C-alpha atoms as a PDB file:
ATOM      1  CA  MET A   1      98.711  49.852 220.233  1.00  0.00           C
ATOM      2  CA  SER A   2      95.508  48.326 222.300  1.00  0.00           C
ATOM      3  CA  ILE A   3      92.790  51.073 223.663  1.00  0.00           C
ATOM      4  CA  GLU A   4      93.339  50.846 226.994  1.00  0.00           C
ATOM      5  CA  THR A   5      97.310  52.361 226.001  1.00  0.00           C
ATOM      6  CA  LEU A   6      95.590  54.555 223.657  1.00  0.00           C
ATOM      7  CA  LEU A   7      93.645  55.739 226.820  1.00  0.00           C
ATOM      8  CA  GLU A   8      96.770  55.873 229.503  1.00  0.00           C
ATOM      9  CA  THR A   9      98.611  58.002 227.058  1.00  0.00           C
ATOM     10  CA  SER A  10      95.914  60.114 225.764  1.00  0.00           C
ATOM     11  CA  TRP A  11      94.831  60.947 229.990  1.00  0.00           C
ATOM     12  CA  GLN A  12      98.642  61.281 230.783  1.00  0.00           C
ATOM     13  CA  THR A  13      98.812  64.149 227.588  1.00  0.00           C
ATOM     14  CA  LEU A  14      95.755  65.569 229.186  1.00  0.00           C
ATOM     15  CA  CYS A  15      97.778  65.672 232.777  1.00  0.00           C
ATOM     16  CA  ASP A  16     100.928  67.252 231.478  1.00  0.00           C
ATOM     17  CA  THR A  17      99.035  70.128 229.947  1.00  0.00           C
ATOM     18  CA  ASP A  18      98.996  73.681 231.634  1.00  0.00           C
ATOM     19  CA  ASP A  19      95.568  73.884 234.178  1.00  0.00           C
ATOM     20  CA  ARG A  20      94.417  70.861 233.397  1.00  0.00           C
ATOM     21  CA  THR A  21      95.676  68.791 236.658  1.00  0.00           C
ATOM     22  CA  SER A  22      92.401  67.149 238.527  1.00  0.00           C
ATOM     23  CA  PRO A  23      91.203  68.645 241.809  1.00  0.00           C
ATOM     24  CA  ALA A  24      92.811  66.380 244.927  1.00  0.00           C
ATOM     25  CA  GLU A  25      89.064  64.974 245.079  1.00  0.00           C
ATOM     26  CA  TYR A  26      88.357  64.433 241.622  1.00  0.00           C
ATOM     27  CA  PRO A  27      92.174  62.076 240.734  1.00  0.00           C
ATOM     28  CA  ASP A  28      90.393  61.019 237.590  1.00  0.00           C
ATOM     29  CA  MET A  29      88.997  64.236 236.434  1.00  0.00           C
ATOM     30  CA  CYS A  30      90.567  66.708 233.809  1.00  0.00           C
ATOM     31  CA  LEU A  31      89.085  69.211 231.714  1.00  0.00           C
ATOM     32  CA  ILE A  32      89.285  68.512 228.087  1.00  0.00           C
ATOM     33  CA  LYS A  33      89.087  70.378 224.768  1.00  0.00           C
ATOM     34  CA  ARG A  34      86.566  69.848 221.901  1.00  0.00           C
ATOM     35  CA  GLU A  35      90.097  69.677 219.633  1.00  0.00           C
ATOM     36  CA  GLU A  36      91.671  66.919 221.874  1.00  0.00           C
ATOM     37  CA  LEU A  37      88.241  64.647 222.306  1.00  0.00           C
ATOM     38  CA  GLN A  38      88.161  64.635 218.295  1.00  0.00           C
ATOM     39  CA  GLN A  39      91.812  63.642 218.273  1.00  0.00           C
ATOM     40  CA  PHE A  40      91.419  60.748 220.833  1.00  0.00           C
ATOM     41  CA  LEU A  41      88.505  59.060 218.627  1.00  0.00           C
ATOM     42  CA  TYR A  42      90.013  59.755 215.480  1.00  0.00           C
ATOM     43  CA  ASP A  43      92.898  58.230 216.619  1.00  0.00           C
ATOM     44  CA  ALA A  44      90.882  54.847 218.045  1.00  0.00           C
ATOM     45  CA  GLN A  45      89.365  54.298 214.740  1.00  0.00           C
ATOM     46  CA  PHE A  46      92.479  54.540 213.555  1.00  0.00           C
ATOM     47  CA  ASN A  47      93.397  51.580 216.196  1.00  0.00           C
ATOM     48  CA  TRP A  48      89.995  49.504 215.918  1.00  0.00           C
ATOM     49  CA  ARG A  49      91.032  49.508 211.662  1.00  0.00           C
ATOM     50  CA  GLN A  50      94.637  48.884 211.982  1.00  0.00           C
ATOM     51  CA  THR A  51      92.785  45.847 214.215  1.00  0.00           C
ATOM     52  CA  ARG A  52      90.704  44.654 211.660  1.00  0.00           C
ATOM     53  CA  ASN A  53      92.579  45.537 208.509  1.00  0.00           C
ATOM     54  CA  HIS A  54      95.979  43.899 210.390  1.00  0.00           C
ATOM     55  CA  GLY A  55      97.808  46.929 208.201  1.00  0.00           C
ATOM     56  CA  ILE A  56      97.274  45.190 204.795  1.00  0.00           C
ATOM     57  CA  SER A  57      96.647  48.232 202.650  1.00  0.00           C
ATOM     58  CA  ILE A  58      93.906  47.316 200.198  1.00  0.00           C
ATOM     59  CA  GLU A  59      93.408  48.136 196.553  1.00  0.00           C
ATOM     60  CA  GLU A  60      91.185  47.256 193.736  1.00  0.00           C
ATOM     61  CA  SER A  61      91.518  45.930 190.073  1.00  0.00           C
ATOM     62  CA  ARG A  62      88.785  46.537 187.371  1.00  0.00           C
ATOM     63  CA  GLU A  63      88.377  45.986 184.184  1.00  0.00           C
ATOM     64  CA  LEU A  64      90.178  48.233 182.307  1.00  0.00           C
ATOM     65  CA  ASP A  65      87.174  49.027 179.557  1.00  0.00           C
ATOM     66  CA  SER A  66      84.259  49.531 181.993  1.00  0.00           C
ATOM     67  CA  GLY A  67      86.388  50.047 185.374  1.00  0.00           C
ATOM     68  CA  ASP A  68      84.068  47.327 186.868  1.00  0.00           C
ATOM     69  CA  VAL A  69      86.332  46.148 189.995  1.00  0.00           C
ATOM     70  CA  MET A  70      86.473  42.085 190.020  1.00  0.00           C
ATOM     71  CA  GLY A  71      88.562  42.278 192.530  1.00  0.00           C
ATOM     72  CA  PHE A  72      91.167  43.137 195.428  1.00  0.00           C
ATOM     73  CA  PHE A  73      94.558  42.509 195.946  1.00  0.00           C
ATOM     74  CA  ALA A  74      97.464  44.198 198.095  1.00  0.00           C
ATOM     75  CA  ARG A  75     100.967  44.047 197.776  1.00  0.00           C
ATOM     76  CA  GLY A  76     102.799  41.614 199.536  1.00  0.00           C
ATOM     77  CA  HIS A  77     102.183  37.680 200.305  1.00  0.00           C
ATOM     78  CA  TYR A  78      99.807  37.957 203.491  1.00  0.00           C
ATOM     79  CA  ASP A  79      97.722  35.349 205.301  1.00  0.00           C
ATOM     80  CA  ARG A  80      94.701  34.681 203.748  1.00  0.00           C
ATOM     81  CA  PHE A  81      92.382  34.898 206.379  1.00  0.00           C
ATOM     82  CA  LYS A  82      93.973  38.219 207.704  1.00  0.00           C
ATOM     83  CA  PHE A  83      93.798  39.273 203.857  1.00  0.00           C
ATOM     84  CA  ALA A  84      90.683  38.373 203.228  1.00  0.00           C
ATOM     85  CA  GLU A  85      89.720  40.017 207.276  1.00  0.00           C
ATOM     86  CA  ALA A  86      91.432  42.844 205.618  1.00  0.00           C
ATOM     87  CA  CYS A  87      88.975  43.183 202.153  1.00  0.00           C
ATOM     88  CA  ASN A  88      85.975  42.577 204.526  1.00  0.00           C
ATOM     89  CA  GLU A  89      86.785  45.926 206.666  1.00  0.00           C
ATOM     90  CA  TYR A  90      87.769  47.510 203.261  1.00  0.00           C
ATOM     91  CA  THR A  91      83.944  47.450 201.831  1.00  0.00           C
ATOM     92  CA  GLY A  92      81.803  46.618 204.693  1.00  0.00           C
ATOM     93  CA  ALA A  93      80.086  43.797 202.665  1.00  0.00           C
ATOM     94  CA  ASP A  94      77.959  41.962 204.646  1.00  0.00           C
ATOM     95  CA  ALA A  95      78.728  38.496 204.667  1.00  0.00           C
ATOM     96  CA  VAL A  96      75.447  37.011 203.443  1.00  0.00           C
ATOM     97  CA  PHE A  97      74.437  39.453 200.723  1.00  0.00           C
ATOM     98  CA  ASP A  98      76.973  41.043 199.399  1.00  0.00           C
ATOM     99  CA  ARG A  99      79.008  39.406 196.272  1.00  0.00           C
ATOM    100  CA  ARG A 100      82.366  41.264 197.180  1.00  0.00           C
ATOM    101  CA  HIS A 101      82.113  39.782 200.590  1.00  0.00           C
ATOM    102  CA  VAL A 102      85.816  37.706 200.382  1.00  0.00           C
ATOM    103  CA  ARG A 103      85.961  34.200 202.116  1.00  0.00           C
ATOM    104  CA  PRO A 104      89.985  33.290 202.862  1.00  0.00           C
ATOM    105  CA  ASP A 105      89.218  30.219 200.064  1.00  0.00           C
ATOM    106  CA  ASP A 106      89.046  32.765 197.815  1.00  0.00           C
ATOM    107  CA  CYS A 107      92.177  34.221 198.099  1.00  0.00           C
ATOM    108  CA  ARG A 108      95.733  33.318 196.480  1.00  0.00           C
ATOM    109  CA  GLN A 109      98.726  34.334 196.179  1.00  0.00           C
ATOM    110  CA  GLU A 110     100.755  35.261 192.927  1.00  0.00           C
ATOM    111  CA  TRP A 111     103.553  37.354 191.935  1.00  0.00           C
ATOM    112  CA  TRP A 112     102.749  40.479 189.042  1.00  0.00           C
ATOM    113  CA  ARG A 113     104.533  42.923 187.060  1.00  0.00           C
ATOM    114  CA  THR A 114     102.699  46.383 185.676  1.00  0.00           C
ATOM    115  CA  VAL A 115     102.717  47.128 181.811  1.00  0.00           C
ATOM    116  CA  PRO A 116     102.126  49.252 180.079  1.00  0.00           C
ATOM    117  CA  VAL A 117      98.506  50.141 178.416  1.00  0.00           C
ATOM    118  CA  SER A 118      99.088  51.283 174.494  1.00  0.00           C
ATOM    119  CA  GLY A 119      97.656  54.378 173.283  1.00  0.00           C
ATOM    120  CA  GLU A 120      96.187  55.138 177.141  1.00  0.00           C
ATOM    121  CA  PRO A 121      98.813  57.365 178.662  1.00  0.00           C
ATOM    122  CA  GLY A 122      99.691  56.558 182.343  1.00  0.00           C
ATOM    123  CA  VAL A 123      97.281  53.654 182.340  1.00  0.00           C
ATOM    124  CA  ILE A 124      99.065  50.082 183.688  1.00  0.00           C
ATOM    125  CA  SER A 125      97.888  46.675 183.834  1.00  0.00           C
ATOM    126  CA  TYR A 126      98.477  44.121 185.623  1.00  0.00           C
ATOM    127  CA  HIS A 127     100.280  40.936 184.644  1.00  0.00           C
ATOM    128  CA  SER A 128     100.924  37.584 185.973  1.00  0.00           C
ATOM    129  CA  ALA A 129     105.284  36.837 186.386  1.00  0.00           C
ATOM    130  CA  GLU A 130     107.699  34.674 187.175  1.00  0.00           C
ATOM    131  CA  PRO A 131     108.369  34.791 191.189  1.00  0.00           C
ATOM    132  CA  HIS A 132     111.701  37.344 191.092  1.00  0.00           C
ATOM    133  CA  SER A 133     112.118  38.136 187.984  1.00  0.00           C
ATOM    134  CA  ARG A 134     113.029  42.054 186.640  1.00  0.00           C
ATOM    135  CA  GLY A 135     110.012  43.765 187.387  1.00  0.00           C
ATOM    136  CA  ALA A 136     108.039  41.625 189.250  1.00  0.00           C
ATOM    137  CA  PHE A 137     106.123  41.688 193.315  1.00  0.00           C
ATOM    138  CA  PRO A 138     104.761  40.020 194.950  1.00  0.00           C
ATOM    139  CA  VAL A 139     100.834  40.173 195.770  1.00  0.00           C
ATOM    140  CA  THR A 140      97.541  38.745 197.544  1.00  0.00           C
ATOM    141  CA  VAL A 141      94.569  38.615 194.900  1.00  0.00           C
ATOM    142  CA  THR A 142      91.532  37.295 195.139  1.00  0.00           C
ATOM    143  CA  SER A 143      88.698  38.029 191.733  1.00  0.00           C
ATOM    144  CA  VAL A 144      85.780  37.067 193.713  1.00  0.00           C
ATOM    145  CA  VAL A 145      83.494  39.622 192.299  1.00  0.00           C
ATOM    146  CA  GLU A 146      84.745  38.709 188.595  1.00  0.00           C
ATOM    147  CA  ASP A 147      84.206  34.789 189.838  1.00  0.00           C
ATOM    148  CA  ARG A 148      80.741  35.288 191.145  1.00  0.00           C
ATOM    149  CA  GLU A 149      79.717  36.734 188.070  1.00  0.00           C
ATOM    150  CA  ARG A 150      80.709  34.753 185.896  1.00  0.00           C
ATOM    151  CA  LYS A 151      79.118  31.707 187.908  1.00  0.00           C
ATOM    152  CA  SER A 152      75.711  33.878 187.783  1.00  0.00           C
ATOM    153  CA  THR A 153      76.059  34.009 184.018  1.00  0.00           C
ATOM    154  CA  GLN A 154      76.946  30.598 183.639  1.00  0.00           C
ATOM    155  CA  ARG A 155      73.792  29.507 185.745  1.00  0.00           C
ATOM    156  CA  TRP A 156      71.894  31.739 183.251  1.00  0.00           C
ATOM    157  CA  ILE A 157      72.618  30.180 180.305  1.00  0.00           C
ATOM    158  CA  ASP A 158      72.108  27.228 181.674  1.00  0.00           C
ATOM    159  CA  GLU A 159      69.060  27.726 182.661  1.00  0.00           C
ATOM    160  CA  HIS A 160      68.188  29.994 179.627  1.00  0.00           C
ATOM    161  CA  ASN A 161      69.720  26.443 177.452  1.00  0.00           C
ATOM    162  CA  LYS A 162      67.357  24.312 179.741  1.00  0.00           C
ATOM    163  CA  GLY A 163      64.173  26.351 179.260  1.00  0.00           C
ATOM    164  CA  ARG A 164      64.588  26.346 175.300  1.00  0.00           C
ATOM    165  CA  ALA A 165      65.498  22.749 174.947  1.00  0.00           C
ATOM    166  CA  ALA A 166      62.393  21.887 176.922  1.00  0.00           C
ATOM    167  CA  GLY A 167      60.152  23.660 175.113  1.00  0.00           C
ATOM    168  CA  PHE A 168      61.738  22.097 172.367  1.00  0.00           C
ATOM    169  CA  ALA A 169      60.699  18.746 173.149  1.00  0.00           C
ATOM    170  CA  GLU A 170      57.406  20.190 174.040  1.00  0.00           C
ATOM    171  CA  GLY A 171      57.610  20.733 170.583  1.00  0.00           C
ATOM    172  CA  LEU A 172      58.716  18.259 169.292  1.00  0.00           C
ATOM    173  CA  ASN A 173      56.389  15.392 170.734  1.00  0.00           C
ATOM    174  CA  TRP A 174      52.977  17.929 170.164  1.00  0.00           C
ATOM    175  CA  ALA A 175      54.330  17.031 166.234  1.00  0.00           C
ATOM    176  CA  LEU A 176      54.736  13.243 167.063  1.00  0.00           C
ATOM    177  CA  ARG A 177      51.187  13.330 168.260  1.00  0.00           C
ATOM    178  CA  GLN A 178      50.032  14.742 165.489  1.00  0.00           C
ATOM    179  CA  LEU A 179      51.434  12.578 163.022  1.00  0.00           C
ATOM    180  CA  ASP A 180      50.957   9.192 164.566  1.00  0.00           C
ATOM    181  CA  ARG A 181      47.316  10.381 164.165  1.00  0.00           C
ATOM    182  CA  ILE A 182      48.337  11.690 160.171  1.00  0.00           C
ATOM    183  CA  ASN A 183      51.166   9.681 158.747  1.00  0.00           C
ATOM    184  CA  ALA A 184      52.510   7.363 160.978  1.00  0.00           C
ATOM    185  CA  ASP A 185      56.239   6.740 159.059  1.00  0.00           C
ATOM    186  CA  ALA A 186      57.285  10.471 159.155  1.00  0.00           C
ATOM    187  CA  GLY A 187      56.100  10.566 162.553  1.00  0.00           C
ATOM    188  CA  ASP A 188      58.893   7.608 162.754  1.00  0.00           C
ATOM    189  CA  GLU A 189      61.027   9.116 160.590  1.00  0.00           C
ATOM    190  CA  LEU A 190      61.295  12.952 162.383  1.00  0.00           C
ATOM    191  CA  LEU A 191      62.022  10.761 165.599  1.00  0.00           C
ATOM    192  CA  ARG A 192      64.667   9.206 164.026  1.00  0.00           C
ATOM    193  CA  GLN A 193      66.433  12.228 162.601  1.00  0.00           C
ATOM    194  CA  TYR A 194      66.041  13.656 165.755  1.00  0.00           C
ATOM    195  CA  ARG A 195      67.690  11.491 167.908  1.00  0.00           C
ATOM    196  CA  GLU A 196      71.029  10.272 165.235  1.00  0.00           C
ATOM    197  CA  GLN A 197      71.336  14.579 165.319  1.00  0.00           C
ATOM    198  CA  ASP A 198      70.946  15.136 169.757  1.00  0.00           C
ATOM    199  CA  LYS A 199      73.857  12.009 169.129  1.00  0.00           C
ATOM    200  CA  LYS A 200      75.897  14.470 166.793  1.00  0.00           C
ATOM    201  CA  GLY A 201      75.490  17.073 169.095  1.00  0.00           C
ATOM    202  CA  ARG A 202      76.192  15.510 172.418  1.00  0.00           C
ATOM    203  CA  THR A 203      79.847  13.956 170.815  1.00  0.00           C
ATOM    204  CA  VAL A 204      80.730  17.620 169.624  1.00  0.00           C
END
């Protein structure tokens, strides 16, 4: 329903109510009660949300142990652009800073089925399923939060390893400089062994 249709319907409802007819000199004016105005605003808000979320009901997918949000899904296969808009309407996520913000490229269509969690009465988990198999249902899903967490963790690990390697290289260079002065042959042997070990590490 468009806002114009909603306005016209609400106006007609008011005009059809007893003692609300407009005076002849004010044909476009009508008394309205607080509750009626409140209902109109509720309807307008609902209509606006329906426009933004395309009628898609978004659910959160959470990590079973920690309960942390990993992403979002909706039952049914939807257009990726509409699903992304519905997710962002659900979370209110900022496009620049919020890790929950969903882009169409983050979305995919899958088939799931529910599986009871052993030892947790009433708790279920979602598993991938063959399309149209028994108990399977279509979903549109994004694991955007989990994916960004994984990338962030990998970047941290890479930076840590890079820093550690740089620190080791600095220590090795210092040792080689000292051995050049104390025992050049020992320095050559240390460098040879380091290169051999580094070569093995790269081929693992």
